[in-house]
Amino acid sequence: MLTASNGLAMIESTVLVPLAALRDQGKVVSTDYTTLAATWRTAYGAVPTIYRP
């Protein structure tokens, strides 16, 4: 998919644009792991874990 001639455009239209719309509606939040872990601790009083297979 990514290596197709229109691969990047396809990723943009099928993944990034819908995610941006959900973000703009407040339905999802873009974050990184460090911020997510801090939110998990403060908002939910929980301890985040790291999956290690």
C-alpha atoms as a PDB file:
ATOM      1  CA  MET A   1       0.000   0.000   0.000  1.00  0.00           C
ATOM      2  CA  LEU A   2       2.647   2.540   1.009  1.00  0.00           C
ATOM      3  CA  THR A   3       4.928   1.675  -1.883  1.00  0.00           C
ATOM      4  CA  ALA A   4       2.179   2.030  -4.502  1.00  0.00           C
ATOM      5  CA  SER A   5       2.377   5.089  -6.737  1.00  0.00           C
ATOM      6  CA  ASN A   6      -0.381   6.774  -4.717  1.00  0.00           C
ATOM      7  CA  GLY A   7       0.577   5.126  -1.421  1.00  0.00           C
ATOM      8  CA  LEU A   8       1.138   8.257   0.635  1.00  0.00           C
ATOM      9  CA  ALA A   9      -2.024   9.887  -0.684  1.00  0.00           C
ATOM     10  CA  MET A  10      -3.969   6.737   0.195  1.00  0.00           C
ATOM     11  CA  ILE A  11      -2.584   6.728   3.761  1.00  0.00           C
ATOM     12  CA  GLU A  12      -3.498  10.388   4.081  1.00  0.00           C
ATOM     13  CA  SER A  13      -7.066   9.952   2.842  1.00  0.00           C
ATOM     14  CA  THR A  14      -7.871   6.689   4.620  1.00  0.00           C
ATOM     15  CA  VAL A  15      -6.004   7.143   7.920  1.00  0.00           C
ATOM     16  CA  LEU A  16      -4.760  10.660   8.618  1.00  0.00           C
ATOM     17  CA  VAL A  17      -7.783  12.674   7.455  1.00  0.00           C
ATOM     18  CA  PRO A  18     -10.292  10.514   9.393  1.00  0.00           C
ATOM     19  CA  LEU A  19      -8.067  10.673  12.501  1.00  0.00           C
ATOM     20  CA  ALA A  20      -7.830  14.464  12.233  1.00  0.00           C
ATOM     21  CA  ALA A  21     -11.627  14.652  12.008  1.00  0.00           C
ATOM     22  CA  LEU A  22     -11.999  12.509  15.135  1.00  0.00           C
ATOM     23  CA  ARG A  23      -9.426  14.686  16.912  1.00  0.00           C
ATOM     24  CA  ASP A  24     -11.278  17.854  15.897  1.00  0.00           C
ATOM     25  CA  GLN A  25     -14.514  16.358  17.285  1.00  0.00           C
ATOM     26  CA  GLY A  26     -12.786  15.578  20.578  1.00  0.00           C
ATOM     27  CA  LYS A  27     -13.230  11.829  20.101  1.00  0.00           C
ATOM     28  CA  VAL A  28      -9.513  10.982  20.077  1.00  0.00           C
ATOM     29  CA  VAL A  29      -6.414  12.655  21.482  1.00  0.00           C
ATOM     30  CA  SER A  30      -3.037  12.618  19.799  1.00  0.00           C
ATOM     31  CA  THR A  31      -0.308  11.922  22.326  1.00  0.00           C
ATOM     32  CA  ASP A  32       3.022  10.298  22.978  1.00  0.00           C
ATOM     33  CA  TYR A  33       3.728   7.527  25.469  1.00  0.00           C
ATOM     34  CA  THR A  34       5.172   9.773  28.182  1.00  0.00           C
ATOM     35  CA  THR A  35       2.160  12.099  28.139  1.00  0.00           C
ATOM     36  CA  LEU A  36      -0.239   9.172  27.937  1.00  0.00           C
ATOM     37  CA  ALA A  37       1.379   7.521  30.947  1.00  0.00           C
ATOM     38  CA  ALA A  38       1.159  10.764  32.951  1.00  0.00           C
ATOM     39  CA  THR A  39      -2.510  11.161  32.020  1.00  0.00           C
ATOM     40  CA  TRP A  40      -3.180   7.555  32.991  1.00  0.00           C
ATOM     41  CA  ARG A  41      -1.661   8.213  36.424  1.00  0.00           C
ATOM     42  CA  THR A  42      -3.377  11.543  37.110  1.00  0.00           C
ATOM     43  CA  ALA A  43      -6.783  11.037  35.478  1.00  0.00           C
ATOM     44  CA  TYR A  44      -7.323   7.403  36.448  1.00  0.00           C
ATOM     45  CA  GLY A  45      -5.005   6.858  39.408  1.00  0.00           C
ATOM     46  CA  ALA A  46      -3.572   3.848  37.609  1.00  0.00           C
ATOM     47  CA  VAL A  47      -0.101   2.606  36.797  1.00  0.00           C
ATOM     48  CA  PRO A  48       0.653   2.284  33.084  1.00  0.00           C
ATOM     49  CA  THR A  49       2.538  -0.799  31.991  1.00  0.00           C
ATOM     50  CA  ILE A  50       4.820  -1.550  29.103  1.00  0.00           C
ATOM     51  CA  TYR A  51       4.055  -4.683  27.081  1.00  0.00           C
ATOM     52  CA  ARG A  52       7.139  -6.830  26.738  1.00  0.00           C
ATOM     53  CA  PRO A  53       6.531 -10.081  24.907  1.00  0.00           C
END
